[in-house]
Amino acid sequence: MKIQAEVSIYPLRTESLSQPIQEFCEILDSCGLEITTTNMSTLVSGDSGILFKACEKAFDQLSSQYQIVMNMKISNACPLDGPNA
């Protein structure tokens, strides 16, 4: 099923905020997902299985180097027309 997620990464106790966020986006991109970055979050679209595994991979990799918070909102309807769109 195709889904879309809005994901925010909040690096804690680090001097560079942009580095972990860039690494996060690179991991998702390497998994073949469609990503769009905004000022406060990243929109991620793709197959649900791939998206969930990619977010788990990104969290695992980032949390081994940084203290982070990941916030996700997941939808099978927005902006899609239906669950099989």
PDB file of N, CA and C in Angstrom:
ATOM      1  N   MET A   1       0.846  -1.167   0.000  1.00  0.00           N
ATOM      2  CA  MET A   1       0.000   0.000   0.000  1.00  0.00           C
ATOM      3  C   MET A   1       0.896   1.238   0.000  1.00  0.00           C
ATOM      4  N   LYS A   2       0.506   2.223  -0.787  1.00  0.00           N
ATOM      5  CA  LYS A   2       1.249   3.481  -0.819  1.00  0.00           C
ATOM      6  C   LYS A   2       0.771   4.377   0.318  1.00  0.00           C
ATOM      7  N   ILE A   3       1.744   4.930   1.046  1.00  0.00           N
ATOM      8  CA  ILE A   3       1.427   5.829   2.147  1.00  0.00           C
ATOM      9  C   ILE A   3       2.318   7.063   2.075  1.00  0.00           C
ATOM     10  N   GLN A   4       1.968   8.049   2.884  1.00  0.00           N
ATOM     11  CA  GLN A   4       2.801   9.237   3.021  1.00  0.00           C
ATOM     12  C   GLN A   4       2.994   9.503   4.508  1.00  0.00           C
ATOM     13  N   ALA A   5       4.200   9.920   4.866  1.00  0.00           N
ATOM     14  CA  ALA A   5       4.497  10.263   6.252  1.00  0.00           C
ATOM     15  C   ALA A   5       5.124  11.645   6.305  1.00  0.00           C
ATOM     16  N   GLU A   6       4.817  12.352   7.367  1.00  0.00           N
ATOM     17  CA  GLU A   6       5.513  13.595   7.672  1.00  0.00           C
ATOM     18  C   GLU A   6       6.420  13.277   8.854  1.00  0.00           C
ATOM     19  N   VAL A   7       7.721  13.396   8.646  1.00  0.00           N
ATOM     20  CA  VAL A   7       8.692  12.994   9.652  1.00  0.00           C
ATOM     21  C   VAL A   7       9.532  14.197  10.053  1.00  0.00           C
ATOM     22  N   SER A   8       9.684  14.373  11.352  1.00  0.00           N
ATOM     23  CA  SER A   8      10.561  15.416  11.877  1.00  0.00           C
ATOM     24  C   SER A   8      11.633  14.757  12.732  1.00  0.00           C
ATOM     25  N   ILE A   9      12.869  15.192  12.542  1.00  0.00           N
ATOM     26  CA  ILE A   9      14.001  14.719  13.337  1.00  0.00           C
ATOM     27  C   ILE A   9      14.484  15.888  14.181  1.00  0.00           C
ATOM     28  N   TYR A  10      14.621  15.651  15.469  1.00  0.00           N
ATOM     29  CA  TYR A  10      15.107  16.683  16.384  1.00  0.00           C
ATOM     30  C   TYR A  10      16.400  16.194  17.034  1.00  0.00           C
ATOM     31  N   PRO A  11      17.554  16.621  16.512  1.00  0.00           N
ATOM     32  CA  PRO A  11      18.825  16.258  17.146  1.00  0.00           C
ATOM     33  C   PRO A  11      18.984  17.026  18.464  1.00  0.00           C
ATOM     34  N   LEU A  12      19.402  16.324  19.503  1.00  0.00           N
ATOM     35  CA  LEU A  12      19.582  16.929  20.820  1.00  0.00           C
ATOM     36  C   LEU A  12      21.061  16.922  21.203  1.00  0.00           C
ATOM     37  N   ARG A  13      21.472  17.924  21.942  1.00  0.00           N
ATOM     38  CA  ARG A  13      22.820  18.002  22.508  1.00  0.00           C
ATOM     39  C   ARG A  13      23.915  17.833  21.463  1.00  0.00           C
ATOM     40  N   THR A  14      23.756  18.506  20.326  1.00  0.00           N
ATOM     41  CA  THR A  14      24.760  18.482  19.272  1.00  0.00           C
ATOM     42  C   THR A  14      24.925  19.890  18.719  1.00  0.00           C
ATOM     43  N   GLU A  15      26.127  20.200  18.274  1.00  0.00           N
ATOM     44  CA  GLU A  15      26.378  21.532  17.729  1.00  0.00           C
ATOM     45  C   GLU A  15      25.789  21.696  16.336  1.00  0.00           C
ATOM     46  N   SER A  16      25.788  20.624  15.557  1.00  0.00           N
ATOM     47  CA  SER A  16      25.277  20.687  14.187  1.00  0.00           C
ATOM     48  C   SER A  16      23.905  20.034  14.115  1.00  0.00           C
ATOM     49  N   LEU A  17      22.903  20.827  13.838  1.00  0.00           N
ATOM     50  CA  LEU A  17      21.564  20.272  13.641  1.00  0.00           C
ATOM     51  C   LEU A  17      21.387  19.745  12.225  1.00  0.00           C
ATOM     52  N   SER A  18      22.042  20.392  11.275  1.00  0.00           N
ATOM     53  CA  SER A  18      21.827  20.041   9.872  1.00  0.00           C
ATOM     54  C   SER A  18      22.440  18.692   9.494  1.00  0.00           C
ATOM     55  N   GLN A  19      23.550  18.302  10.098  1.00  0.00           N
ATOM     56  CA  GLN A  19      24.221  17.054   9.719  1.00  0.00           C
ATOM     57  C   GLN A  19      23.338  15.828   9.953  1.00  0.00           C
ATOM     58  N   PRO A  20      22.771  15.628  11.136  1.00  0.00           N
ATOM     59  CA  PRO A  20      21.911  14.455  11.317  1.00  0.00           C
ATOM     60  C   PRO A  20      20.668  14.478  10.430  1.00  0.00           C
ATOM     61  N   ILE A  21      20.125  15.661  10.190  1.00  0.00           N
ATOM     62  CA  ILE A  21      18.945  15.764   9.327  1.00  0.00           C
ATOM     63  C   ILE A  21      19.307  15.404   7.894  1.00  0.00           C
ATOM     64  N   GLN A  22      20.462  15.864   7.428  1.00  0.00           N
ATOM     65  CA  GLN A  22      20.923  15.516   6.081  1.00  0.00           C
ATOM     66  C   GLN A  22      21.157  14.009   5.969  1.00  0.00           C
ATOM     67  N   GLU A  23      21.767  13.417   6.980  1.00  0.00           N
ATOM     68  CA  GLU A  23      21.993  11.967   6.976  1.00  0.00           C
ATOM     69  C   GLU A  23      20.662  11.216   6.923  1.00  0.00           C
ATOM     70  N   PHE A  24      19.681  11.688   7.665  1.00  0.00           N
ATOM     71  CA  PHE A  24      18.352  11.075   7.664  1.00  0.00           C
ATOM     72  C   PHE A  24      17.762  11.073   6.253  1.00  0.00           C
ATOM     73  N   CYS A  25      17.805  12.219   5.586  1.00  0.00           N
ATOM     74  CA  CYS A  25      17.258  12.337   4.229  1.00  0.00           C
ATOM     75  C   CYS A  25      18.009  11.446   3.246  1.00  0.00           C
ATOM     76  N   GLU A  26      19.322  11.342   3.396  1.00  0.00           N
ATOM     77  CA  GLU A  26      20.119  10.490   2.508  1.00  0.00           C
ATOM     78  C   GLU A  26      19.746   9.019   2.674  1.00  0.00           C
ATOM     79  N   ILE A  27      19.495   8.596   3.903  1.00  0.00           N
ATOM     80  CA  ILE A  27      19.099   7.206   4.142  1.00  0.00           C
ATOM     81  C   ILE A  27      17.759   6.917   3.466  1.00  0.00           C
ATOM     82  N   LEU A  28      16.792   7.808   3.644  1.00  0.00           N
ATOM     83  CA  LEU A  28      15.477   7.601   3.019  1.00  0.00           C
ATOM     84  C   LEU A  28      15.583   7.606   1.500  1.00  0.00           C
ATOM     85  N   ASP A  29      16.377   8.524   0.965  1.00  0.00           N
ATOM     86  CA  ASP A  29      16.561   8.614  -0.485  1.00  0.00           C
ATOM     87  C   ASP A  29      17.205   7.343  -1.030  1.00  0.00           C
ATOM     88  N   SER A  30      18.163   6.782  -0.294  1.00  0.00           N
ATOM     89  CA  SER A  30      18.847   5.567  -0.755  1.00  0.00           C
ATOM     90  C   SER A  30      17.914   4.358  -0.781  1.00  0.00           C
ATOM     91  N   CYS A  31      16.793   4.440  -0.083  1.00  0.00           N
ATOM     92  CA  CYS A  31      15.810   3.351  -0.061  1.00  0.00           C
ATOM     93  C   CYS A  31      14.781   3.479  -1.182  1.00  0.00           C
ATOM     94  N   GLY A  32      14.927   4.504  -2.027  1.00  0.00           N
ATOM     95  CA  GLY A  32      14.037   4.667  -3.171  1.00  0.00           C
ATOM     96  C   GLY A  32      12.721   5.349  -2.862  1.00  0.00           C
ATOM     97  N   LEU A  33      12.644   6.020  -1.732  1.00  0.00           N
ATOM     98  CA  LEU A  33      11.417   6.725  -1.371  1.00  0.00           C
ATOM     99  C   LEU A  33      11.425   8.127  -1.948  1.00  0.00           C
ATOM    100  N   GLU A  34      10.236   8.659  -2.174  1.00  0.00           N
ATOM    101  CA  GLU A  34      10.099  10.037  -2.639  1.00  0.00           C
ATOM    102  C   GLU A  34      10.108  10.939  -1.409  1.00  0.00           C
ATOM    103  N   ILE A  35      11.052  11.889  -1.367  1.00  0.00           N
ATOM    104  CA  ILE A  35      11.138  12.771  -0.209  1.00  0.00           C
ATOM    105  C   ILE A  35      11.071  14.233  -0.634  1.00  0.00           C
ATOM    106  N   THR A  36      10.424  15.024   0.193  1.00  0.00           N
ATOM    107  CA  THR A  36      10.348  16.472   0.016  1.00  0.00           C
ATOM    108  C   THR A  36      10.644  17.096   1.371  1.00  0.00           C
ATOM    109  N   THR A  37      11.690  17.907   1.439  1.00  0.00           N
ATOM    110  CA  THR A  37      12.028  18.537   2.710  1.00  0.00           C
ATOM    111  C   THR A  37      11.368  19.907   2.812  1.00  0.00           C
ATOM    112  N   THR A  38      10.929  20.228   4.009  1.00  0.00           N
ATOM    113  CA  THR A  38      10.383  21.546   4.315  1.00  0.00           C
ATOM    114  C   THR A  38      11.202  22.118   5.471  1.00  0.00           C
ATOM    115  N   ASN A  39      10.846  23.295   5.922  1.00  0.00           N
ATOM    116  CA  ASN A  39      11.595  23.917   7.017  1.00  0.00           C
ATOM    117  C   ASN A  39      11.535  23.120   8.315  1.00  0.00           C
ATOM    118  N   MET A  40      10.430  22.445   8.560  1.00  0.00           N
ATOM    119  CA  MET A  40      10.236  21.778   9.850  1.00  0.00           C
ATOM    120  C   MET A  40      10.094  20.260   9.775  1.00  0.00           C
ATOM    121  N   SER A  41       9.981  19.697   8.570  1.00  0.00           N
ATOM    122  CA  SER A  41       9.777  18.258   8.464  1.00  0.00           C
ATOM    123  C   SER A  41      10.141  17.778   7.069  1.00  0.00           C
ATOM    124  N   THR A  42      10.064  16.466   6.904  1.00  0.00           N
ATOM    125  CA  THR A  42      10.295  15.835   5.614  1.00  0.00           C
ATOM    126  C   THR A  42       9.057  15.020   5.264  1.00  0.00           C
ATOM    127  N   LEU A  43       8.536  15.212   4.056  1.00  0.00           N
ATOM    128  CA  LEU A  43       7.423  14.404   3.563  1.00  0.00           C
ATOM    129  C   LEU A  43       8.008  13.214   2.824  1.00  0.00           C
ATOM    130  N   VAL A  44       7.557  12.020   3.175  1.00  0.00           N
ATOM    131  CA  VAL A  44       8.089  10.786   2.614  1.00  0.00           C
ATOM    132  C   VAL A  44       6.931   9.991   2.037  1.00  0.00           C
ATOM    133  N   SER A  45       7.042   9.577   0.769  1.00  0.00           N
ATOM    134  CA  SER A  45       5.990   8.795   0.113  1.00  0.00           C
ATOM    135  C   SER A  45       6.581   7.517  -0.452  1.00  0.00           C
ATOM    136  N   GLY A  46       5.791   6.451  -0.388  1.00  0.00           N
ATOM    137  CA  GLY A  46       6.222   5.197  -0.979  1.00  0.00           C
ATOM    138  C   GLY A  46       5.448   4.027  -0.404  1.00  0.00           C
ATOM    139  N   ASP A  47       5.901   2.834  -0.749  1.00  0.00           N
ATOM    140  CA  ASP A  47       5.298   1.605  -0.254  1.00  0.00           C
ATOM    141  C   ASP A  47       5.443   1.543   1.267  1.00  0.00           C
ATOM    142  N   SER A  48       4.379   1.139   1.947  1.00  0.00           N
ATOM    143  CA  SER A  48       4.388   1.158   3.414  1.00  0.00           C
ATOM    144  C   SER A  48       5.509   0.312   4.009  1.00  0.00           C
ATOM    145  N   GLY A  49       5.744  -0.868   3.472  1.00  0.00           N
ATOM    146  CA  GLY A  49       6.802  -1.727   4.007  1.00  0.00           C
ATOM    147  C   GLY A  49       8.172  -1.096   3.879  1.00  0.00           C
ATOM    148  N   ILE A  50       8.434  -0.507   2.725  1.00  0.00           N
ATOM    149  CA  ILE A  50       9.724   0.147   2.494  1.00  0.00           C
ATOM    150  C   ILE A  50       9.865   1.373   3.388  1.00  0.00           C
ATOM    151  N   LEU A  51       8.799   2.164   3.480  1.00  0.00           N
ATOM    152  CA  LEU A  51       8.855   3.387   4.283  1.00  0.00           C
ATOM    153  C   LEU A  51       9.114   3.074   5.756  1.00  0.00           C
ATOM    154  N   PHE A  52       8.402   2.116   6.316  1.00  0.00           N
ATOM    155  CA  PHE A  52       8.599   1.777   7.728  1.00  0.00           C
ATOM    156  C   PHE A  52      10.007   1.239   7.982  1.00  0.00           C
ATOM    157  N   LYS A  53      10.492   0.366   7.101  1.00  0.00           N
ATOM    158  CA  LYS A  53      11.845  -0.175   7.269  1.00  0.00           C
ATOM    159  C   LYS A  53      12.897   0.913   7.123  1.00  0.00           C
ATOM    160  N   ALA A  54      12.686   1.840   6.190  1.00  0.00           N
ATOM    161  CA  ALA A  54      13.642   2.932   5.985  1.00  0.00           C
ATOM    162  C   ALA A  54      13.692   3.851   7.199  1.00  0.00           C
ATOM    163  N   CYS A  55      12.544   4.156   7.778  1.00  0.00           N
ATOM    164  CA  CYS A  55      12.520   5.010   8.971  1.00  0.00           C
ATOM    165  C   CYS A  55      13.173   4.305  10.157  1.00  0.00           C
ATOM    166  N   GLU A  56      12.955   3.002  10.279  1.00  0.00           N
ATOM    167  CA  GLU A  56      13.619   2.240  11.339  1.00  0.00           C
ATOM    168  C   GLU A  56      15.134   2.251  11.134  1.00  0.00           C
ATOM    169  N   LYS A  57      15.569   2.034   9.902  1.00  0.00           N
ATOM    170  CA  LYS A  57      16.999   2.057   9.580  1.00  0.00           C
ATOM    171  C   LYS A  57      17.596   3.426   9.898  1.00  0.00           C
ATOM    172  N   ALA A  58      16.909   4.484   9.491  1.00  0.00           N
ATOM    173  CA  ALA A  58      17.400   5.843   9.737  1.00  0.00           C
ATOM    174  C   ALA A  58      17.482   6.123  11.234  1.00  0.00           C
ATOM    175  N   PHE A  59      16.454   5.736  11.978  1.00  0.00           N
ATOM    176  CA  PHE A  59      16.476   5.964  13.426  1.00  0.00           C
ATOM    177  C   PHE A  59      17.625   5.198  14.071  1.00  0.00           C
ATOM    178  N   ASP A  60      17.794   3.934  13.701  1.00  0.00           N
ATOM    179  CA  ASP A  60      18.868   3.122  14.279  1.00  0.00           C
ATOM    180  C   ASP A  60      20.240   3.723  13.992  1.00  0.00           C
ATOM    181  N   GLN A  61      20.463   4.135  12.740  1.00  0.00           N
ATOM    182  CA  GLN A  61      21.766   4.699  12.378  1.00  0.00           C
ATOM    183  C   GLN A  61      22.016   6.027  13.080  1.00  0.00           C
ATOM    184  N   LEU A  62      21.024   6.902  13.077  1.00  0.00           N
ATOM    185  CA  LEU A  62      21.212   8.211  13.707  1.00  0.00           C
ATOM    186  C   LEU A  62      21.354   8.098  15.220  1.00  0.00           C
ATOM    187  N   SER A  63      20.568   7.231  15.839  1.00  0.00           N
ATOM    188  CA  SER A  63      20.618   7.129  17.298  1.00  0.00           C
ATOM    189  C   SER A  63      21.905   6.475  17.792  1.00  0.00           C
ATOM    190  N   SER A  64      22.645   5.830  16.901  1.00  0.00           N
ATOM    191  CA  SER A  64      23.948   5.294  17.301  1.00  0.00           C
ATOM    192  C   SER A  64      25.010   6.389  17.353  1.00  0.00           C
ATOM    193  N   GLN A  65      24.724   7.556  16.742  1.00  0.00           N
ATOM    194  CA  GLN A  65      25.683   8.659  16.708  1.00  0.00           C
ATOM    195  C   GLN A  65      25.210   9.893  17.469  1.00  0.00           C
ATOM    196  N   TYR A  66      23.901  10.074  17.570  1.00  0.00           N
ATOM    197  CA  TYR A  66      23.321  11.288  18.139  1.00  0.00           C
ATOM    198  C   TYR A  66      22.197  10.919  19.096  1.00  0.00           C
ATOM    199  N   GLN A  67      21.837  11.864  19.943  1.00  0.00           N
ATOM    200  CA  GLN A  67      20.598  11.752  20.699  1.00  0.00           C
ATOM    201  C   GLN A  67      19.535  12.455  19.861  1.00  0.00           C
ATOM    202  N   ILE A  68      18.479  11.730  19.508  1.00  0.00           N
ATOM    203  CA  ILE A  68      17.476  12.291  18.599  1.00  0.00           C
ATOM    204  C   ILE A  68      16.062  11.974  19.063  1.00  0.00           C
ATOM    205  N   VAL A  69      15.143  12.772  18.585  1.00  0.00           N
ATOM    206  CA  VAL A  69      13.714  12.501  18.697  1.00  0.00           C
ATOM    207  C   VAL A  69      13.178  12.448  17.268  1.00  0.00           C
ATOM    208  N   MET A  70      12.406  11.411  16.951  1.00  0.00           N
ATOM    209  CA  MET A  70      11.763  11.297  15.639  1.00  0.00           C
ATOM    210  C   MET A  70      10.256  11.347  15.856  1.00  0.00           C
ATOM    211  N   ASN A  71       9.607  12.245  15.151  1.00  0.00           N
ATOM    212  CA  ASN A  71       8.158  12.400  15.235  1.00  0.00           C
ATOM    213  C   ASN A  71       7.577  12.084  13.860  1.00  0.00           C
ATOM    214  N   MET A  72       6.609  11.140  13.794  1.00  0.00           N
ATOM    215  CA  MET A  72       6.029  10.731  12.513  1.00  0.00           C
ATOM    216  C   MET A  72       4.509  10.833  12.537  1.00  0.00           C
ATOM    217  N   LYS A  73       3.967  11.332  11.427  1.00  0.00           N
ATOM    218  CA  LYS A  73       2.529  11.275  11.162  1.00  0.00           C
ATOM    219  C   LYS A  73       2.386  10.475   9.878  1.00  0.00           C
ATOM    220  N   ILE A  74       1.539   9.459   9.885  1.00  0.00           N
ATOM    221  CA  ILE A  74       1.434   8.538   8.758  1.00  0.00           C
ATOM    222  C   ILE A  74      -0.005   8.509   8.259  1.00  0.00           C
ATOM    223  N   SER A  75      -0.150   8.525   6.914  1.00  0.00           N
ATOM    224  CA  SER A  75      -1.488   8.531   6.329  1.00  0.00           C
ATOM    225  C   SER A  75      -1.535   7.672   5.072  1.00  0.00           C
ATOM    226  N   ASN A  76      -2.643   6.981   4.891  1.00  0.00           N
ATOM    227  CA  ASN A  76      -2.886   6.298   3.619  1.00  0.00           C
ATOM    228  C   ASN A  76      -3.892   7.084   2.781  1.00  0.00           C
ATOM    229  N   ALA A  77      -4.246   8.288   3.235  1.00  0.00           N
ATOM    230  CA  ALA A  77      -5.251   9.091   2.538  1.00  0.00           C
ATOM    231  C   ALA A  77      -4.732  10.429   2.040  1.00  0.00           C
ATOM    232  N   CYS A  78      -3.789  11.015   2.686  1.00  0.00           N
ATOM    233  CA  CYS A  78      -3.326  12.367   2.335  1.00  0.00           C
ATOM    234  C   CYS A  78      -1.939  12.321   1.727  1.00  0.00           C
ATOM    235  N   PRO A  79      -1.704  12.876   0.586  1.00  0.00           N
ATOM    236  CA  PRO A  79      -2.647  13.506  -0.316  1.00  0.00           C
ATOM    237  C   PRO A  79      -3.217  12.529  -1.329  1.00  0.00           C
ATOM    238  N   LEU A  80      -3.114  11.249  -1.073  1.00  0.00           N
ATOM    239  CA  LEU A  80      -3.598  10.234  -2.000  1.00  0.00           C
ATOM    240  C   LEU A  80      -5.116  10.241  -2.065  1.00  0.00           C
ATOM    241  N   ASP A  81      -5.659   9.697  -3.150  1.00  0.00           N
ATOM    242  CA  ASP A  81      -7.109   9.641  -3.329  1.00  0.00           C
ATOM    243  C   ASP A  81      -7.741   8.448  -2.621  1.00  0.00           C
ATOM    244  N   GLY A  82      -6.955   7.439  -2.322  1.00  0.00           N
ATOM    245  CA  GLY A  82      -7.493   6.256  -1.673  1.00  0.00           C
ATOM    246  C   GLY A  82      -6.380   5.331  -1.266  1.00  0.00           C
ATOM    247  N   PRO A  83      -6.686   4.241  -0.574  1.00  0.00           N
ATOM    248  CA  PRO A  83      -5.641   3.373  -0.048  1.00  0.00           C
ATOM    249  C   PRO A  83      -4.822   2.660  -1.114  1.00  0.00           C
ATOM    250  N   ASN A  84      -5.318   2.572  -2.325  1.00  0.00           N
ATOM    251  CA  ASN A  84      -4.569   1.889  -3.384  1.00  0.00           C
ATOM    252  C   ASN A  84      -4.101   2.832  -4.474  1.00  0.00           C
ATOM    253  N   ALA A  85      -4.127   4.125  -4.224  1.00  0.00           N
ATOM    254  CA  ALA A  85      -3.729   5.111  -5.243  1.00  0.00           C
ATOM    255  C   ALA A  85      -2.248   5.036  -5.514  1.00  0.00           C
TER     256      ALA A  85
END
